[in-house]
Amino acid sequence: MLIMMSTYTSIKMGIRLVAYLVLGGLVLIIRHRHRKKSRTEMDEETKRLMARTKKDENGKYPWEQ
């Protein structure tokens, strides 16, 4: 009985380990893709904001004065 319980416990632990590794890998992949997407969106919004911001007669933005 003890040998059977030990085998069952190791199989259960192995399945749990594989599930955690797969889920952890998926989370890391999704986070990496989302970070690149978010960064691109922020860069595009910054370009639009800079295009809409008025410059003074010297060609400087208000925060550069």
C-alpha atoms as a PDB file:
ATOM      1  CA  MET A   1       0.000   0.000   0.000  1.00  0.00           C
ATOM      2  CA  LEU A   2       2.842   2.368   0.842  1.00  0.00           C
ATOM      3  CA  ILE A   3       4.548   1.813  -2.530  1.00  0.00           C
ATOM      4  CA  MET A   4       1.280   2.425  -4.385  1.00  0.00           C
ATOM      5  CA  MET A   5       0.643   5.617  -2.424  1.00  0.00           C
ATOM      6  CA  SER A   6       4.135   6.867  -3.203  1.00  0.00           C
ATOM      7  CA  THR A   7       3.683   6.234  -6.936  1.00  0.00           C
ATOM      8  CA  TYR A   8       0.281   7.918  -6.946  1.00  0.00           C
ATOM      9  CA  THR A   9       1.708  10.929  -5.125  1.00  0.00           C
ATOM     10  CA  SER A  10       4.599  11.281  -7.571  1.00  0.00           C
ATOM     11  CA  ILE A  11       2.297  11.032 -10.598  1.00  0.00           C
ATOM     12  CA  LYS A  12      -0.030  13.610  -9.084  1.00  0.00           C
ATOM     13  CA  MET A  13       2.894  15.913  -8.346  1.00  0.00           C
ATOM     14  CA  GLY A  14       4.263  15.442 -11.881  1.00  0.00           C
ATOM     15  CA  ILE A  15       0.916  16.314 -13.464  1.00  0.00           C
ATOM     16  CA  ARG A  16       0.631  19.364 -11.239  1.00  0.00           C
ATOM     17  CA  LEU A  17       4.175  20.444 -12.144  1.00  0.00           C
ATOM     18  CA  VAL A  18       3.503  20.114 -15.878  1.00  0.00           C
ATOM     19  CA  ALA A  19       0.255  22.100 -15.526  1.00  0.00           C
ATOM     20  CA  TYR A  20       2.058  24.887 -13.642  1.00  0.00           C
ATOM     21  CA  LEU A  21       4.857  25.023 -16.216  1.00  0.00           C
ATOM     22  CA  VAL A  22       2.418  25.180 -19.137  1.00  0.00           C
ATOM     23  CA  LEU A  23       0.284  27.878 -17.499  1.00  0.00           C
ATOM     24  CA  GLY A  24       3.365  29.855 -16.457  1.00  0.00           C
ATOM     25  CA  GLY A  25       4.754  29.696 -19.991  1.00  0.00           C
ATOM     26  CA  LEU A  26       1.455  30.892 -21.443  1.00  0.00           C
ATOM     27  CA  VAL A  27       1.334  33.800 -19.003  1.00  0.00           C
ATOM     28  CA  LEU A  28       4.872  34.870 -19.906  1.00  0.00           C
ATOM     29  CA  ILE A  29       4.164  34.677 -23.652  1.00  0.00           C
ATOM     30  CA  ILE A  30       0.929  36.669 -23.316  1.00  0.00           C
ATOM     31  CA  ARG A  31       2.618  39.315 -21.154  1.00  0.00           C
ATOM     32  CA  HIS A  32       5.481  39.681 -23.652  1.00  0.00           C
ATOM     33  CA  ARG A  33       3.120  40.138 -26.607  1.00  0.00           C
ATOM     34  CA  HIS A  34       0.928  42.572 -24.668  1.00  0.00           C
ATOM     35  CA  ARG A  35       3.944  44.636 -23.602  1.00  0.00           C
ATOM     36  CA  LYS A  36       5.057  45.069 -27.215  1.00  0.00           C
ATOM     37  CA  LYS A  37       1.518  45.978 -28.272  1.00  0.00           C
ATOM     38  CA  SER A  38       1.090  48.483 -25.436  1.00  0.00           C
ATOM     39  CA  ARG A  39       4.429  50.098 -26.190  1.00  0.00           C
ATOM     40  CA  THR A  40       3.506  50.525 -29.863  1.00  0.00           C
ATOM     41  CA  GLU A  41       0.143  52.057 -28.952  1.00  0.00           C
ATOM     42  CA  MET A  42       1.806  54.499 -26.548  1.00  0.00           C
ATOM     43  CA  ASP A  43       4.342  55.551 -29.199  1.00  0.00           C
ATOM     44  CA  GLU A  44       1.578  56.186 -31.744  1.00  0.00           C
ATOM     45  CA  GLU A  45      -0.460  58.205 -29.247  1.00  0.00           C
ATOM     46  CA  THR A  46       2.634  60.259 -28.361  1.00  0.00           C
ATOM     47  CA  LYS A  47       3.186  61.087 -32.041  1.00  0.00           C
ATOM     48  CA  ARG A  48      -0.457  62.198 -32.379  1.00  0.00           C
ATOM     49  CA  LEU A  49      -0.198  64.308 -29.225  1.00  0.00           C
ATOM     50  CA  MET A  50       2.993  66.003 -30.405  1.00  0.00           C
ATOM     51  CA  ALA A  51       1.397  66.766 -33.779  1.00  0.00           C
ATOM     52  CA  ARG A  52      -1.607  68.415 -32.070  1.00  0.00           C
ATOM     53  CA  THR A  53       0.431  70.461 -29.577  1.00  0.00           C
ATOM     54  CA  LYS A  54       1.048  74.037 -30.637  1.00  0.00           C
ATOM     55  CA  LYS A  55       4.575  75.440 -30.773  1.00  0.00           C
ATOM     56  CA  ASP A  56       5.608  79.037 -30.157  1.00  0.00           C
ATOM     57  CA  GLU A  57       7.325  81.318 -32.691  1.00  0.00           C
ATOM     58  CA  ASN A  58      10.719  79.697 -31.975  1.00  0.00           C
ATOM     59  CA  GLY A  59       9.366  76.221 -32.725  1.00  0.00           C
ATOM     60  CA  LYS A  60       9.462  75.103 -29.081  1.00  0.00           C
ATOM     61  CA  TYR A  61       6.820  73.233 -27.163  1.00  0.00           C
ATOM     62  CA  PRO A  62       5.356  74.849 -24.001  1.00  0.00           C
ATOM     63  CA  TRP A  63       7.331  72.578 -21.658  1.00  0.00           C
ATOM     64  CA  GLU A  64      10.653  73.446 -23.361  1.00  0.00           C
ATOM     65  CA  GLN A  65      10.505  77.117 -22.455  1.00  0.00           C
END
